[in-house]
Amino acid sequence: MTIPEILERHARETPSALALDDVTYEQLQAGAARVAAQLRRRGIADGERFVLYAENSHAFVYAYLGGLRAGAVVVPANVLYREADLGRVIEDADAIAVAVSQQSRPFVVTERQLIALDEVAAWAADPSLPPDDGPLPSEDGVAILIYTSGTTGRAKGAMLTHGNLRAIASQVTEAWLWTSADVLLLALPLFHIHGLGAGLNGTLFAGGRVLLRERFDVHDVAATLRSGEVTMFFGVPTMYVRLLELTEGAPFDRVRLFVSGSAALPASTHEAFERRYGASILERYGSTEFGFALTNRYDGPRHAGTVGFPFPAVDVMLRGADGTAVAPGEIGEILVSGPNVCAGYWRNDDATAASFVRDESGKRWYRSGDLGSFDPERGYTIAGRIKELIISGGFNIYPLEVEDELARIGGIRGAAVVGKPDAARGELPIAFVETDETFDEARALETLRARLASFKVPRELRRVDVLPRNAMGKVDKPRLRALLEAERT
């Protein structure tokens, strides 16, 4: 079943169950059907691309579900994009229309059709408008076009089909024992696969309820988690760091599951959260192109610094630089196969060909570009991006390993390690660190020398007020490397 079909099933079988805050499944389905009909009237249907450029809101959800119901290809755009970035997405997707909020409208410069989300909300709430009566989309049709974050180059549009979305939702609900009794607090942006594919679609698949927030506010989130209403929370590492910075508050007793993803969760943060709140965060590993591939087991130990084992129906393998499989404990590129893996990149045959391989049996695998290792007892550990690997004097340095050690040092609130070009050694590791008033550089370096091989110890600890991050909290390392390159020239 596709997401529109799943929504219709819940509206029919459990109409009064709450789906989105205080909106019932019957109301959500009826509103989405009315929106779909209005989108069809404007030509936004049957494979046409429809950009959603706005912050989280009920209107965003109605526009998304209405777009899917009408058979349009929904293109969620990063709300932090501005004229140039957004323009490239609109042009590359060849979008017929752009949906905007009052907040996002000033940053849109286009001749394409504009649809105000205030108008979408009005359509959804107006019972006099007819519901969509067109055919439901097939599972093979492209449902959403999500552009990669662009931290490793110009963004590419990953084509996720209706079947991909169903598979992703099915996998997370099965692995995390998600039921209709669960209530998810969702402060992740809906333009990203974490918030959309796991958070919203997972809730709809399970028949549960989502409490949607426009953005993450640490005090609001902490209060809501303590309210007794919430059973699940999905976040990125920076959200857990901010929750740890709160000095007061009781444990989050009723929350049965905390999930972290979209960036590596430092082992020190995992351990500190468990000490403070008595909850072990479940870390998972995913990507725009396949949703989610690896997860700590729901029942079983959750080892800090690991991302566990494959989700149901997902296959994962590690491949060395020579194209052969690597042994347990060795580092290789992560390849993923399964019904969750995207169809390819929108109008980019070269990128698609470079990102997919077939094994001897003809099985299709996606090359993630991420490095990892596998331990039969603890599962997979992410070592970082291939492009972020630092080679210094012939030795491999995996930035995540060094960043994890930095995160354990008092006074350091965040760290990013990148390679600085060096004539003698090729590259030298440089650490950019967010610090507080207790930071002592000499003591930090002494600690690192005691815990790491000498070639892994950063040659510099550069203090910055704030590390550059994208909307999901992932550090923008290309910007840091560009800074080092500019210094060299």
Protein backbone atom coordinates (compact mmCIF):
# COMPACT_ATOMS: atom_id res chain seq x y z
CA MET A 1 0.00 0.00 0.00
CA THR A 2 1.17 3.53 -0.76
CA ILE A 3 1.09 6.29 1.86
CA PRO A 4 -2.20 7.71 0.44
CA GLU A 5 -3.75 4.22 0.59
CA ILE A 6 -2.52 3.72 4.16
CA LEU A 7 -4.05 7.04 5.19
CA GLU A 8 -7.37 6.08 3.60
CA ARG A 9 -7.33 2.74 5.42
CA HIS A 10 -6.84 4.37 8.82
CA ALA A 11 -9.51 6.97 8.08
CA ARG A 12 -11.91 4.16 7.29
CA GLU A 13 -10.99 1.78 10.15
CA THR A 14 -10.07 4.20 12.97
CA PRO A 15 -11.61 7.55 11.92
CA SER A 16 -11.60 9.16 15.38
CA ALA A 17 -7.99 8.21 16.25
CA LEU A 18 -5.69 11.23 16.52
CA ALA A 19 -3.10 11.50 13.75
CA LEU A 20 -1.58 15.00 13.75
CA ASP A 21 -1.82 16.85 17.06
CA ASP A 22 -5.60 17.12 17.54
CA VAL A 23 -6.49 16.23 13.94
CA THR A 24 -8.10 12.80 13.51
CA TYR A 25 -7.31 10.34 10.74
CA GLU A 26 -10.71 11.01 9.19
CA GLN A 27 -10.05 14.76 9.17
CA LEU A 28 -6.50 14.37 7.88
CA GLN A 29 -7.55 12.12 5.01
CA ALA A 30 -10.51 14.29 4.05
CA GLY A 31 -8.40 17.45 4.14
CA ALA A 32 -5.62 15.86 2.07
CA ALA A 33 -8.19 14.69 -0.51
CA ARG A 34 -9.61 18.20 -0.83
CA VAL A 35 -6.11 19.63 -1.24
CA ALA A 36 -5.33 16.99 -3.88
CA ALA A 37 -8.40 18.05 -5.88
CA GLN A 38 -7.37 21.71 -5.78
CA LEU A 39 -3.82 20.84 -6.82
CA ARG A 40 -5.17 18.87 -9.79
CA ARG A 41 -7.17 21.94 -10.85
CA ARG A 42 -3.87 23.81 -11.02
CA GLY A 43 -2.13 21.11 -13.05
CA ILE A 44 -0.12 19.79 -10.09
CA ALA A 45 -0.65 16.08 -10.66
CA ASP A 46 0.47 13.00 -12.57
CA GLY A 47 4.24 13.33 -12.32
CA GLU A 48 4.53 17.13 -12.29
CA ARG A 49 7.06 18.42 -9.75
CA PHE A 50 5.75 20.46 -6.83
CA VAL A 51 8.26 22.19 -4.51
CA LEU A 52 7.40 22.51 -0.83
CA TYR A 53 9.51 25.32 0.63
CA ALA A 54 8.39 26.05 4.17
CA GLU A 55 8.85 25.32 7.84
CA ASN A 56 6.92 22.54 9.60
CA SER A 57 3.16 23.14 9.83
CA HIS A 58 -0.15 21.37 9.39
CA ALA A 59 -0.45 23.06 6.00
CA PHE A 60 2.90 21.55 4.97
CA VAL A 61 1.56 18.09 5.86
CA TYR A 62 -1.66 18.66 3.91
CA ALA A 63 0.29 19.91 0.88
CA TYR A 64 2.58 16.89 1.04
CA LEU A 65 -0.22 14.34 1.41
CA GLY A 66 -2.39 16.12 -1.15
CA GLY A 67 0.49 16.18 -3.61
CA LEU A 68 1.08 12.45 -3.17
CA ARG A 69 -2.65 11.75 -3.54
CA ALA A 70 -2.76 13.74 -6.80
CA GLY A 71 0.18 11.80 -8.21
CA ALA A 72 2.50 14.82 -8.24
CA VAL A 73 6.19 14.50 -7.37
CA VAL A 74 6.66 16.42 -4.13
CA VAL A 75 10.00 18.21 -3.81
CA PRO A 76 10.66 19.17 -0.17
CA ALA A 77 13.22 22.00 -0.22
CA ASN A 78 15.53 22.95 2.64
CA VAL A 79 13.92 25.95 4.34
CA LEU A 80 17.39 27.41 4.94
CA TYR A 81 17.97 27.66 1.19
CA ARG A 82 17.91 31.16 -0.21
CA GLU A 83 17.50 32.54 -3.72
CA ALA A 84 20.45 30.82 -5.42
CA ASP A 85 20.13 27.39 -3.75
CA LEU A 86 16.35 27.31 -4.06
CA GLY A 87 16.51 28.51 -7.66
CA ARG A 88 18.75 25.59 -8.59
CA VAL A 89 16.30 23.12 -7.04
CA ILE A 90 13.31 24.67 -8.80
CA GLU A 91 15.10 24.73 -12.15
CA ASP A 92 16.65 21.29 -11.86
CA ALA A 93 13.36 19.70 -10.83
CA ASP A 94 11.56 21.68 -13.57
CA ALA A 95 8.86 22.34 -10.98
CA ILE A 96 5.42 23.50 -12.07
CA ALA A 97 4.71 25.21 -8.73
CA VAL A 98 6.19 26.21 -5.39
CA ALA A 99 4.28 26.14 -2.10
CA VAL A 100 5.41 28.82 0.35
CA SER A 101 4.61 30.10 3.81
CA GLN A 102 4.51 33.73 4.85
CA GLN A 103 8.00 33.28 6.30
CA SER A 104 9.56 31.63 3.24
CA ARG A 105 7.84 33.68 0.51
CA PRO A 106 10.37 36.59 0.54
CA PHE A 107 13.19 34.25 -0.53
CA VAL A 108 11.45 32.88 -3.63
CA VAL A 109 12.31 34.45 -6.97
CA THR A 110 10.63 32.47 -9.73
CA GLU A 111 8.08 32.72 -12.52
CA ARG A 112 6.61 29.36 -11.51
CA GLN A 113 3.15 29.14 -9.98
CA LEU A 114 3.15 30.07 -6.28
CA ILE A 115 0.75 28.50 -3.80
CA ALA A 116 0.41 29.97 -0.33
CA LEU A 117 0.24 27.39 2.44
CA ASP A 118 -2.40 29.57 4.11
CA GLU A 119 -4.56 28.78 1.07
CA VAL A 120 -3.73 25.07 1.39
CA ALA A 121 -4.85 25.16 5.02
CA ALA A 122 -8.11 26.79 3.94
CA TRP A 123 -8.72 24.11 1.31
CA ALA A 124 -8.13 21.36 3.84
CA ALA A 125 -10.60 22.90 6.28
CA ASP A 126 -13.39 23.65 3.80
CA PRO A 127 -15.94 20.77 3.71
CA SER A 128 -17.74 22.36 0.75
CA LEU A 129 -14.80 21.59 -1.54
CA PRO A 130 -14.96 18.26 -3.41
CA PRO A 131 -12.39 15.55 -2.61
CA ASP A 132 -10.03 14.22 -5.23
CA ASP A 133 -11.54 11.41 -7.27
CA GLY A 134 -8.57 10.71 -9.52
CA PRO A 135 -6.63 7.44 -9.57
CA LEU A 136 -4.25 6.69 -6.73
CA PRO A 137 -0.55 6.61 -7.71
CA SER A 138 1.21 3.32 -8.31
CA GLU A 139 4.02 2.13 -6.09
CA ASP A 140 6.48 2.39 -8.99
CA GLY A 141 5.82 6.08 -9.54
CA VAL A 142 8.18 8.70 -8.14
CA ALA A 143 6.65 10.16 -4.98
CA ILE A 144 9.25 12.61 -3.76
CA LEU A 145 12.40 14.19 -5.07
CA ILE A 146 14.74 15.05 -2.19
CA TYR A 147 17.87 16.97 -2.91
CA THR A 148 20.98 15.89 -1.06
CA SER A 149 22.35 18.29 1.52
CA GLY A 150 25.06 19.48 -0.84
CA THR A 151 27.87 19.30 1.74
CA THR A 152 29.95 17.27 -0.73
CA GLY A 153 29.15 19.27 -3.87
CA ARG A 154 26.09 20.50 -5.79
CA ALA A 155 22.89 18.89 -4.57
CA LYS A 156 21.39 15.99 -6.57
CA GLY A 157 17.73 14.98 -6.56
CA ALA A 158 17.18 11.47 -5.21
CA MET A 159 14.04 9.88 -6.68
CA LEU A 160 12.10 7.97 -4.02
CA THR A 161 9.09 6.03 -5.27
CA HIS A 162 5.84 5.36 -3.46
CA GLY A 163 7.15 1.83 -2.94
CA ASN A 164 10.35 3.22 -1.41
CA LEU A 165 8.35 5.35 1.05
CA ARG A 166 6.21 2.40 2.06
CA ALA A 167 9.28 0.20 2.54
CA ILE A 168 11.03 2.80 4.70
CA ALA A 169 7.96 3.30 6.89
CA SER A 170 7.44 -0.44 7.20
CA GLN A 171 11.05 -1.05 8.18
CA VAL A 172 11.22 1.55 10.96
CA THR A 173 7.86 0.58 12.44
CA GLU A 174 8.79 -3.11 12.51
CA ALA A 175 12.29 -2.59 13.91
CA TRP A 176 11.20 -0.15 16.62
CA LEU A 177 7.96 -1.96 17.58
CA TRP A 178 5.95 1.13 16.61
CA THR A 179 2.19 0.78 17.19
CA SER A 180 -0.96 2.87 17.00
CA ALA A 181 -0.59 3.57 20.73
CA ASP A 182 2.63 5.56 20.19
CA VAL A 183 2.86 9.33 20.25
CA LEU A 184 5.90 10.85 18.53
CA LEU A 185 7.21 14.32 19.34
CA LEU A 186 8.58 15.54 16.01
CA ALA A 187 10.75 18.67 15.89
CA LEU A 188 12.82 17.53 12.90
CA PRO A 189 12.28 19.39 9.61
CA LEU A 190 9.85 17.70 7.25
CA PHE A 191 11.97 18.59 4.23
CA HIS A 192 14.45 15.87 5.29
CA ILE A 193 14.08 12.09 5.06
CA HIS A 194 14.53 11.73 8.84
CA GLY A 195 11.52 13.87 9.70
CA LEU A 196 9.42 12.98 6.66
CA GLY A 197 10.28 9.34 5.96
CA ALA A 198 10.66 8.09 9.52
CA GLY A 199 8.72 10.65 11.55
CA LEU A 200 5.61 11.48 9.56
CA ASN A 201 5.35 8.45 7.25
CA GLY A 202 6.25 6.07 10.09
CA THR A 203 3.48 7.53 12.23
CA LEU A 204 0.95 7.18 9.41
CA PHE A 205 2.04 3.62 8.67
CA ALA A 206 1.67 2.62 12.35
CA GLY A 207 -1.61 4.50 12.77
CA GLY A 208 -0.12 6.48 15.64
CA ARG A 209 -0.06 10.17 16.50
CA VAL A 210 2.53 12.86 15.88
CA LEU A 211 2.96 16.06 17.88
CA LEU A 212 4.48 18.41 15.32
CA ARG A 213 6.71 21.34 16.17
CA GLU A 214 7.76 24.08 13.77
CA ARG A 215 11.32 23.84 15.05
CA PHE A 216 13.36 22.47 17.94
CA ASP A 217 13.06 24.51 21.13
CA VAL A 218 14.89 22.75 23.94
CA HIS A 219 12.66 24.00 26.76
CA ASP A 220 9.43 23.17 24.92
CA VAL A 221 10.77 19.73 23.92
CA ALA A 222 11.93 18.92 27.46
CA ALA A 223 8.59 19.98 28.94
CA THR A 224 6.64 17.96 26.37
CA LEU A 225 8.80 14.89 26.93
CA ARG A 226 8.01 15.13 30.65
CA SER A 227 4.28 15.64 30.09
CA GLY A 228 3.56 11.91 30.03
CA GLU A 229 1.93 12.20 26.60
CA VAL A 230 4.94 11.28 24.44
CA THR A 231 6.32 7.77 23.90
CA MET A 232 8.91 8.46 21.16
CA PHE A 233 11.35 11.21 20.19
CA PHE A 234 13.58 11.43 17.10
CA GLY A 235 16.47 13.87 17.06
CA VAL A 236 19.89 14.74 15.72
CA PRO A 237 22.98 14.76 17.98
CA THR A 238 22.88 18.52 18.58
CA MET A 239 19.37 18.17 20.03
CA TYR A 240 20.60 15.64 22.59
CA VAL A 241 23.55 17.87 23.43
CA ARG A 242 21.15 20.76 24.10
CA LEU A 243 18.94 18.55 26.29
CA LEU A 244 22.03 17.60 28.29
CA GLU A 245 22.84 21.26 28.83
CA LEU A 246 19.63 21.67 30.82
CA THR A 247 20.65 21.62 34.46
CA GLU A 248 17.27 20.77 35.95
CA GLY A 249 14.41 18.42 35.30
CA ALA A 250 13.11 14.95 36.00
CA PRO A 251 13.71 11.90 33.77
CA PHE A 252 11.53 11.38 30.71
CA ASP A 253 9.79 8.41 32.25
CA ARG A 254 7.10 7.55 29.68
CA VAL A 255 9.29 7.97 26.59
CA ARG A 256 10.12 4.44 25.52
CA LEU A 257 12.36 5.30 22.58
CA PHE A 258 14.88 8.02 21.76
CA VAL A 259 16.35 7.79 18.26
CA SER A 260 19.36 9.70 16.90
CA GLY A 261 20.50 10.03 13.32
CA SER A 262 21.47 12.31 10.40
CA ALA A 263 24.94 12.81 11.92
CA ALA A 264 27.22 10.70 14.10
CA LEU A 265 26.23 10.65 17.78
CA PRO A 266 29.38 10.99 19.91
CA ALA A 267 29.77 8.07 22.30
CA SER A 268 30.27 10.59 25.10
CA THR A 269 26.84 12.13 24.40
CA HIS A 270 25.21 8.68 24.35
CA GLU A 271 26.77 7.83 27.71
CA ALA A 272 26.01 11.20 29.32
CA PHE A 273 22.35 11.08 28.22
CA GLU A 274 21.91 7.65 29.75
CA ARG A 275 23.47 8.82 33.02
CA ARG A 276 21.35 11.97 33.16
CA TYR A 277 17.99 10.69 31.96
CA GLY A 278 18.22 6.92 32.38
CA ALA A 279 17.50 6.31 28.70
CA SER A 280 19.75 4.62 26.14
CA ILE A 281 19.55 6.42 22.79
CA LEU A 282 18.99 4.15 19.79
CA GLU A 283 21.31 5.31 17.02
CA ARG A 284 20.53 4.47 13.44
CA TYR A 285 22.25 5.10 10.11
CA GLY A 286 20.57 6.40 6.98
CA SER A 287 20.80 8.56 3.90
CA THR A 288 18.56 10.59 1.62
CA GLU A 289 18.98 7.91 -1.04
CA PHE A 290 17.73 4.93 0.97
CA GLY A 291 16.08 6.25 4.08
CA PHE A 292 17.55 3.97 6.72
CA ALA A 293 19.80 0.93 6.57
CA LEU A 294 21.18 0.19 10.04
CA THR A 295 19.79 0.42 13.55
CA ASN A 296 20.72 -0.55 17.07
CA ARG A 297 18.42 -3.33 18.16
CA TYR A 298 15.34 -2.25 20.06
CA ASP A 299 15.64 -5.26 22.36
CA GLY A 300 19.28 -5.70 23.20
CA PRO A 301 22.35 -3.66 24.07
CA ARG A 302 22.83 -0.31 22.35
CA HIS A 303 26.56 0.17 22.15
CA ALA A 304 27.69 3.80 22.18
CA GLY A 305 29.34 4.73 18.90
CA THR A 306 27.69 1.94 16.88
CA VAL A 307 24.69 1.93 14.53
CA GLY A 308 23.80 -1.74 14.92
CA PHE A 309 22.50 -4.10 12.29
CA PRO A 310 20.42 -3.96 9.06
CA PHE A 311 16.75 -3.05 9.16
CA PRO A 312 14.23 -5.69 8.06
CA ALA A 313 14.45 -6.41 4.29
CA VAL A 314 17.70 -4.39 4.00
CA ASP A 315 21.06 -5.88 3.00
CA VAL A 316 24.36 -4.17 3.84
CA MET A 317 27.92 -5.06 2.90
CA LEU A 318 31.35 -3.48 3.17
CA ARG A 319 33.57 -3.21 0.13
CA GLY A 320 37.26 -2.35 -0.03
CA ALA A 321 38.89 0.03 -2.48
CA ASP A 322 39.65 -2.94 -4.74
CA GLY A 323 35.97 -3.85 -4.96
CA THR A 324 36.15 -6.96 -2.77
CA ALA A 325 34.40 -7.60 0.52
CA VAL A 326 36.31 -6.74 3.69
CA ALA A 327 36.68 -8.92 6.76
CA PRO A 328 35.03 -8.13 10.13
CA GLY A 329 36.91 -5.37 11.89
CA GLU A 330 38.30 -3.88 8.69
CA ILE A 331 37.04 -0.62 7.17
CA GLY A 332 35.26 -0.49 3.85
CA GLU A 333 32.63 1.43 1.94
CA ILE A 334 29.04 0.76 2.98
CA LEU A 335 26.81 -0.61 0.21
CA VAL A 336 23.05 -0.92 0.66
CA SER A 337 20.40 -2.97 -1.16
CA GLY A 338 16.68 -3.29 -0.56
CA PRO A 339 13.19 -2.03 -1.47
CA ASN A 340 13.99 1.25 0.32
CA VAL A 341 16.80 2.25 -2.08
CA CYS A 342 15.94 5.11 -4.43
CA ALA A 343 15.45 4.70 -8.17
CA GLY A 344 18.39 6.98 -8.94
CA TYR A 345 19.09 10.68 -9.39
CA TRP A 346 16.71 12.96 -11.26
CA ARG A 347 17.91 13.59 -14.81
CA ASN A 348 21.47 12.73 -13.83
CA ASP A 349 22.46 9.47 -15.49
CA ASP A 350 26.17 9.95 -14.75
CA ALA A 351 25.60 10.33 -11.00
CA THR A 352 23.22 7.36 -11.01
CA ALA A 353 25.71 5.15 -12.85
CA ALA A 354 28.51 6.15 -10.47
CA SER A 355 26.41 5.43 -7.37
CA PHE A 356 25.07 1.96 -8.20
CA VAL A 357 26.79 -1.37 -8.84
CA ARG A 358 25.57 -4.91 -9.41
CA ASP A 359 27.12 -8.01 -7.90
CA GLU A 360 27.71 -11.31 -9.70
CA SER A 361 24.09 -12.34 -9.15
CA GLY A 362 22.81 -9.09 -10.66
CA LYS A 363 21.71 -7.65 -7.33
CA ARG A 364 21.65 -3.84 -7.27
CA TRP A 365 23.65 -2.03 -4.56
CA TYR A 366 23.87 1.65 -3.70
CA ARG A 367 27.36 2.99 -2.95
CA SER A 368 26.89 5.23 0.08
CA GLY A 369 30.30 6.89 0.07
CA ASP A 370 30.42 6.22 3.82
CA LEU A 371 33.08 4.15 5.52
CA GLY A 372 32.33 1.61 8.22
CA SER A 373 33.42 -1.55 9.97
CA PHE A 374 31.51 -4.53 11.31
CA ASP A 375 31.70 -6.49 14.55
CA PRO A 376 29.44 -9.56 14.85
CA GLU A 377 28.55 -8.72 18.45
CA ARG A 378 28.29 -4.92 18.35
CA GLY A 379 27.20 -4.36 14.75
CA TYR A 380 28.36 -1.64 12.38
CA THR A 381 30.39 1.45 13.26
CA ILE A 382 30.58 4.46 10.94
CA ALA A 383 34.10 5.74 10.28
CA GLY A 384 33.12 8.78 8.19
CA ARG A 385 32.88 9.79 4.56
CA ILE A 386 35.38 8.55 1.98
CA LYS A 387 35.90 12.17 0.94
CA GLU A 388 36.62 13.16 4.55
CA LEU A 389 39.36 10.58 5.07
CA ILE A 390 42.64 12.30 5.96
CA ILE A 391 45.84 10.64 4.74
CA SER A 392 48.84 12.02 6.60
CA GLY A 393 52.30 10.62 5.90
CA GLY A 394 50.73 7.45 4.53
CA PHE A 395 48.53 6.90 7.62
CA ASN A 396 44.73 6.93 7.46
CA ILE A 397 42.99 9.24 9.92
CA TYR A 398 39.23 8.87 10.35
CA PRO A 399 37.90 12.24 11.59
CA LEU A 400 34.99 10.73 13.52
CA GLU A 401 37.38 8.84 15.78
CA VAL A 402 39.25 12.03 16.68
CA GLU A 403 36.03 14.04 17.03
CA ASP A 404 34.67 11.50 19.48
CA GLU A 405 37.76 11.86 21.65
CA LEU A 406 37.50 15.65 21.48
CA ALA A 407 33.86 15.48 22.57
CA ARG A 408 34.96 13.72 25.77
CA ILE A 409 37.19 16.61 26.81
CA GLY A 410 35.79 19.18 29.20
CA GLY A 411 35.16 22.60 27.74
CA ILE A 412 34.54 21.35 24.18
CA ARG A 413 30.91 21.63 23.03
CA GLY A 414 31.46 20.52 19.44
CA ALA A 415 34.34 19.52 17.16
CA ALA A 416 35.10 18.97 13.48
CA VAL A 417 38.36 17.57 12.14
CA VAL A 418 39.45 18.23 8.55
CA GLY A 419 42.64 17.81 6.55
CA LYS A 420 44.92 20.76 5.81
CA PRO A 421 47.13 20.39 2.72
CA ASP A 422 50.78 19.89 3.63
CA ALA A 423 53.74 19.58 1.24
CA ALA A 424 55.61 17.06 3.38
CA ARG A 425 52.85 14.79 4.72
CA GLY A 426 50.07 15.35 2.22
CA GLU A 427 47.57 16.47 4.87
CA LEU A 428 47.60 17.42 8.54
CA PRO A 429 44.59 17.01 10.84
CA ILE A 430 43.16 20.32 12.06
CA ALA A 431 40.35 20.50 14.63
CA PHE A 432 37.80 23.30 14.77
CA VAL A 433 36.20 23.35 18.22
CA GLU A 434 33.27 25.09 19.88
CA THR A 435 34.33 25.74 23.47
CA ASP A 436 33.18 27.28 26.72
CA GLU A 437 35.09 29.22 29.37
CA THR A 438 36.53 26.06 30.98
CA PHE A 439 38.44 25.01 27.84
CA ASP A 440 42.20 24.55 28.33
CA GLU A 441 43.99 23.94 25.02
CA ALA A 442 47.22 22.60 26.54
CA ARG A 443 45.32 20.12 28.69
CA ALA A 444 43.14 19.07 25.73
CA LEU A 445 46.19 18.31 23.58
CA GLU A 446 47.82 16.43 26.43
CA THR A 447 44.70 14.30 26.79
CA LEU A 448 44.61 13.56 23.07
CA ARG A 449 48.28 12.54 23.00
CA ALA A 450 47.58 10.08 25.80
CA ARG A 451 44.61 8.52 23.99
CA LEU A 452 45.49 8.65 20.28
CA ALA A 453 48.37 7.70 18.03
CA SER A 454 50.61 10.70 17.45
CA PHE A 455 49.70 11.05 13.76
CA LYS A 456 45.99 11.36 14.70
CA VAL A 457 46.45 14.24 17.14
CA PRO A 458 45.33 17.53 15.51
CA ARG A 459 48.15 19.91 14.76
CA GLU A 460 45.90 22.80 15.74
CA LEU A 461 42.80 23.30 17.88
CA ARG A 462 41.04 26.28 16.33
CA ARG A 463 38.40 27.84 18.53
CA VAL A 464 35.23 29.03 16.77
CA ASP A 465 32.07 30.54 18.18
CA VAL A 466 29.84 28.20 16.18
CA LEU A 467 30.65 25.38 13.77
CA PRO A 468 28.94 25.80 10.38
CA ARG A 469 26.07 23.31 10.15
CA ASN A 470 23.28 22.42 7.77
CA ALA A 471 19.64 22.27 8.80
CA MET A 472 20.04 18.75 10.19
CA GLY A 473 22.91 19.71 12.46
CA LYS A 474 25.59 18.13 10.29
CA VAL A 475 28.83 20.10 10.21
CA ASP A 476 29.56 21.70 6.83
CA LYS A 477 33.12 20.43 6.49
CA PRO A 478 33.63 21.62 2.90
CA ARG A 479 33.31 25.17 4.25
CA LEU A 480 36.04 24.46 6.81
CA ARG A 481 38.28 22.85 4.18
CA ALA A 482 37.71 25.84 1.90
CA LEU A 483 38.90 28.08 4.71
CA LEU A 484 42.14 26.09 5.00
CA GLU A 485 42.60 26.10 1.22
CA ALA A 486 42.15 29.88 1.15
CA GLU A 487 44.84 30.27 3.77
CA ARG A 488 47.26 28.23 1.68
CA THR A 489 46.73 30.41 -1.37
